[in-house]
Protein backbone atom coordinates (compact mmCIF):
# COMPACT_ATOMS: atom_id res chain seq x y z
CA MET A 1 54.76 -21.44 2.30
CA ARG A 2 51.47 -23.08 3.39
CA GLN A 3 49.59 -19.79 3.16
CA LEU A 4 49.95 -19.60 -0.61
CA PRO A 5 47.75 -22.69 -1.37
CA ILE A 6 45.18 -21.51 1.18
CA LEU A 7 45.06 -18.05 -0.42
CA ALA A 8 44.80 -19.59 -3.90
CA ALA A 9 41.92 -21.82 -2.76
CA PHE A 10 40.16 -18.85 -1.14
CA ALA A 11 40.61 -16.74 -4.31
CA ALA A 12 39.27 -19.56 -6.49
CA ALA A 13 36.24 -19.96 -4.22
CA ALA A 14 35.58 -16.21 -4.33
CA LEU A 15 35.78 -16.16 -8.14
CA LEU A 16 33.44 -19.14 -8.36
CA ALA A 17 30.94 -17.42 -6.05
CA LEU A 18 31.05 -14.27 -8.20
CA ALA A 19 30.53 -16.27 -11.37
CA ALA A 20 27.60 -18.13 -9.83
CA ALA A 21 26.01 -14.86 -8.70
CA GLY A 22 26.04 -13.62 -12.30
CA CYS A 23 24.38 -16.81 -13.48
CA ARG A 24 21.44 -16.56 -11.05
CA SER A 25 19.37 -14.51 -13.47
CA HIS A 26 20.10 -16.97 -16.28
CA ILE A 27 19.21 -19.91 -14.05
CA ALA A 28 15.97 -18.20 -12.98
CA ASN A 29 15.17 -17.49 -16.63
CA LEU A 30 15.81 -21.10 -17.60
CA ARG A 31 13.70 -22.34 -14.68
CA GLN A 32 10.86 -20.04 -15.78
CA GLN A 33 11.12 -21.40 -19.35
CA ILE A 34 10.96 -25.05 -18.25
CA HIS A 35 8.43 -24.75 -15.44
CA PRO A 36 6.73 -21.33 -15.59
CA ALA A 37 5.05 -19.98 -12.48
CA TYR A 38 1.34 -19.26 -12.86
CA HIS A 39 -0.24 -16.35 -10.96
CA ALA A 40 -3.26 -17.53 -8.96
CA ARG A 41 -6.23 -15.85 -7.34
CA THR A 42 -9.23 -17.41 -5.61
CA PHE A 43 -12.69 -15.98 -6.21
CA THR A 44 -15.32 -16.81 -3.62
CA GLY A 45 -19.01 -16.75 -4.37
CA ILE A 46 -18.66 -18.05 -7.93
CA ASP A 47 -18.27 -21.56 -9.26
CA GLN A 48 -15.92 -22.88 -11.90
CA ARG A 49 -18.32 -22.19 -14.81
CA GLN A 50 -18.99 -18.62 -13.65
CA ALA A 51 -15.23 -18.04 -13.39
CA TYR A 52 -14.82 -19.40 -16.92
CA ASP A 53 -17.50 -17.06 -18.31
CA ALA A 54 -16.07 -14.08 -16.40
CA SER A 55 -12.58 -14.91 -17.70
CA LEU A 56 -13.87 -14.87 -21.28
CA ALA A 57 -15.52 -11.50 -20.66
CA ALA A 58 -12.28 -10.14 -19.20
CA LEU A 59 -10.29 -11.39 -22.19
CA ARG A 60 -12.72 -9.75 -24.63
CA GLN A 61 -12.29 -6.44 -22.78
CA MET A 62 -8.52 -6.78 -23.10
CA GLY A 63 -8.74 -7.51 -26.86
CA TYR A 64 -7.77 -11.19 -26.73
CA ARG A 65 -9.36 -13.93 -28.80
CA GLN A 66 -9.77 -17.49 -27.59
CA THR A 67 -7.66 -20.08 -29.41
CA GLY A 68 -8.22 -23.18 -27.27
CA GLY A 69 -9.63 -24.73 -24.14
CA GLY A 70 -13.19 -25.02 -22.91
CA ALA A 71 -15.43 -24.86 -19.87
CA ALA A 72 -15.43 -28.62 -19.33
CA GLN A 73 -11.61 -28.67 -19.51
CA GLY A 74 -11.31 -25.79 -17.06
CA ARG A 75 -8.82 -23.97 -19.24
CA ILE A 76 -8.62 -21.14 -21.74
CA GLU A 77 -5.91 -20.25 -24.23
CA ALA A 78 -6.08 -16.85 -25.92
CA ILE A 79 -3.85 -14.49 -27.86
CA SER A 80 -3.68 -10.75 -28.37
CA GLU A 81 -3.66 -8.92 -31.66
CA MET A 82 -0.27 -8.28 -33.25
CA LEU A 83 1.36 -5.46 -31.27
CA ALA A 84 3.54 -2.88 -33.00
CA PRO A 85 7.13 -2.74 -31.76
CA ASP A 86 8.14 -0.14 -29.16
CA VAL A 87 11.46 0.47 -30.92
CA PRO A 88 11.61 0.92 -34.72
CA ARG A 89 14.02 -1.97 -35.35
CA GLN A 90 12.19 -4.49 -33.17
CA SER A 91 9.83 -7.01 -34.66
CA PRO A 92 6.11 -7.23 -33.90
CA ARG A 93 4.97 -9.29 -30.96
CA GLN A 94 1.92 -10.94 -29.47
CA VAL A 95 1.00 -11.89 -25.93
CA ALA A 96 -0.62 -15.24 -25.19
CA ILE A 97 -2.46 -16.15 -22.00
CA HIS A 98 -3.04 -19.59 -20.54
CA ILE A 99 -5.74 -19.86 -17.87
CA ARG A 100 -6.51 -22.82 -15.62
CA ILE A 101 -9.74 -22.77 -13.60
CA ASN A 102 -10.31 -25.24 -10.77
CA PRO A 103 -12.70 -25.45 -7.84
CA ALA A 104 -11.15 -23.92 -4.70
CA LEU A 105 -10.89 -26.05 -1.56
CA ASP A 106 -12.98 -23.64 0.53
CA GLY A 107 -15.53 -23.03 -2.23
CA GLY A 108 -15.37 -20.65 -5.13
CA ALA A 109 -12.96 -20.93 -8.02
CA ASN A 110 -9.18 -20.80 -8.28
CA VAL A 111 -8.02 -19.00 -11.45
CA GLU A 112 -4.37 -19.42 -12.50
CA THR A 113 -2.90 -17.36 -15.34
CA LEU A 114 0.33 -17.24 -17.31
CA PHE A 115 1.12 -14.56 -19.89
CA THR A 116 3.73 -15.36 -22.55
CA ASP A 117 5.46 -12.82 -24.79
CA ILE A 118 5.85 -14.07 -28.38
CA ARG A 119 8.39 -12.24 -30.54
CA GLN A 120 8.05 -12.68 -34.28
CA ASP A 121 11.69 -12.00 -35.08
CA ALA A 122 14.59 -13.78 -36.70
CA PHE A 123 15.69 -16.19 -33.99
CA ASN A 124 19.31 -17.24 -34.45
CA ALA A 125 19.30 -15.55 -37.89
CA ARG A 126 16.54 -17.81 -39.20
CA GLU A 127 13.71 -15.83 -40.72
CA GLY A 128 10.24 -16.87 -39.67
CA MET A 129 11.34 -18.26 -36.33
CA GLY A 130 10.03 -16.68 -33.17
CA SER A 131 10.75 -16.85 -29.48
CA LYS A 132 8.49 -17.27 -26.45
CA GLN A 133 9.19 -15.89 -23.01
CA PRO A 134 6.87 -16.41 -20.01
CA LEU A 135 6.16 -13.09 -18.31
CA ALA A 136 6.93 -13.65 -14.64
CA GLU A 137 6.06 -10.09 -13.67
CA SER A 138 3.72 -7.91 -15.72
CA PRO A 139 0.90 -5.44 -15.08
CA LEU A 140 -1.20 -7.62 -17.39
CA TYR A 141 -1.93 -9.95 -14.45
CA ASP A 142 -3.46 -7.13 -12.38
CA VAL A 143 -5.46 -5.85 -15.36
CA PHE A 144 -6.84 -9.31 -16.14
CA TYR A 145 -7.84 -10.01 -12.53
CA LYS A 146 -9.46 -6.57 -12.22
CA TYR A 147 -11.60 -7.22 -15.30
CA LEU A 148 -12.35 -10.76 -14.10
CA ALA A 149 -13.52 -9.52 -10.70
CA ARG A 150 -15.70 -6.90 -12.38
CA ALA A 151 -17.22 -9.47 -14.76
CA ALA A 152 -17.80 -11.96 -11.92
CA ALA A 153 -19.65 -9.31 -9.90
CA ALA A 154 -21.94 -8.40 -12.81
CA PRO A 155 -25.37 -10.00 -12.84
CA PRO A 156 -25.67 -12.97 -15.21
CA PRO A 157 -27.13 -12.19 -18.67
CA ALA A 158 -30.72 -13.08 -19.43
CA ALA A 159 -31.38 -16.54 -20.87
CA SER A 160 -31.98 -15.09 -24.36
CA ASP A 161 -28.54 -13.40 -24.35
CA ARG A 162 -26.58 -16.65 -23.94
């Protein structure tokens, strides 16, 4: 008779573990929404201002326009053009980028980036409402850092070009 409560407790624990395993992706998604993880790279041989200028050059190459931030603040906010949907019934979207630039401990500059997907759709059946989703993994990070490295390696423009 004592085995029945033990088996019931074991079955309940197993069901709870299965339910929790299914919620991991939702918990990770919620965690990313509340406290998104920035991707960081350190660039040696350039200072904070040079990293800022190279970041702007990289963003221009990617088709982004700056919407906020500044060199003295060590941050840049930019947004892409409106992107057509991949699927006919989806709504248009944009991708925003937030960049933080700080001096690195060993010299150089530390550049942290976060891309956010902005969907211009009816959110909860309310027209005109959109949704934002931080992009934890995206090839955009590699593209941005490739353009940034290329721009940082380029010689500085002449004084009349600034």
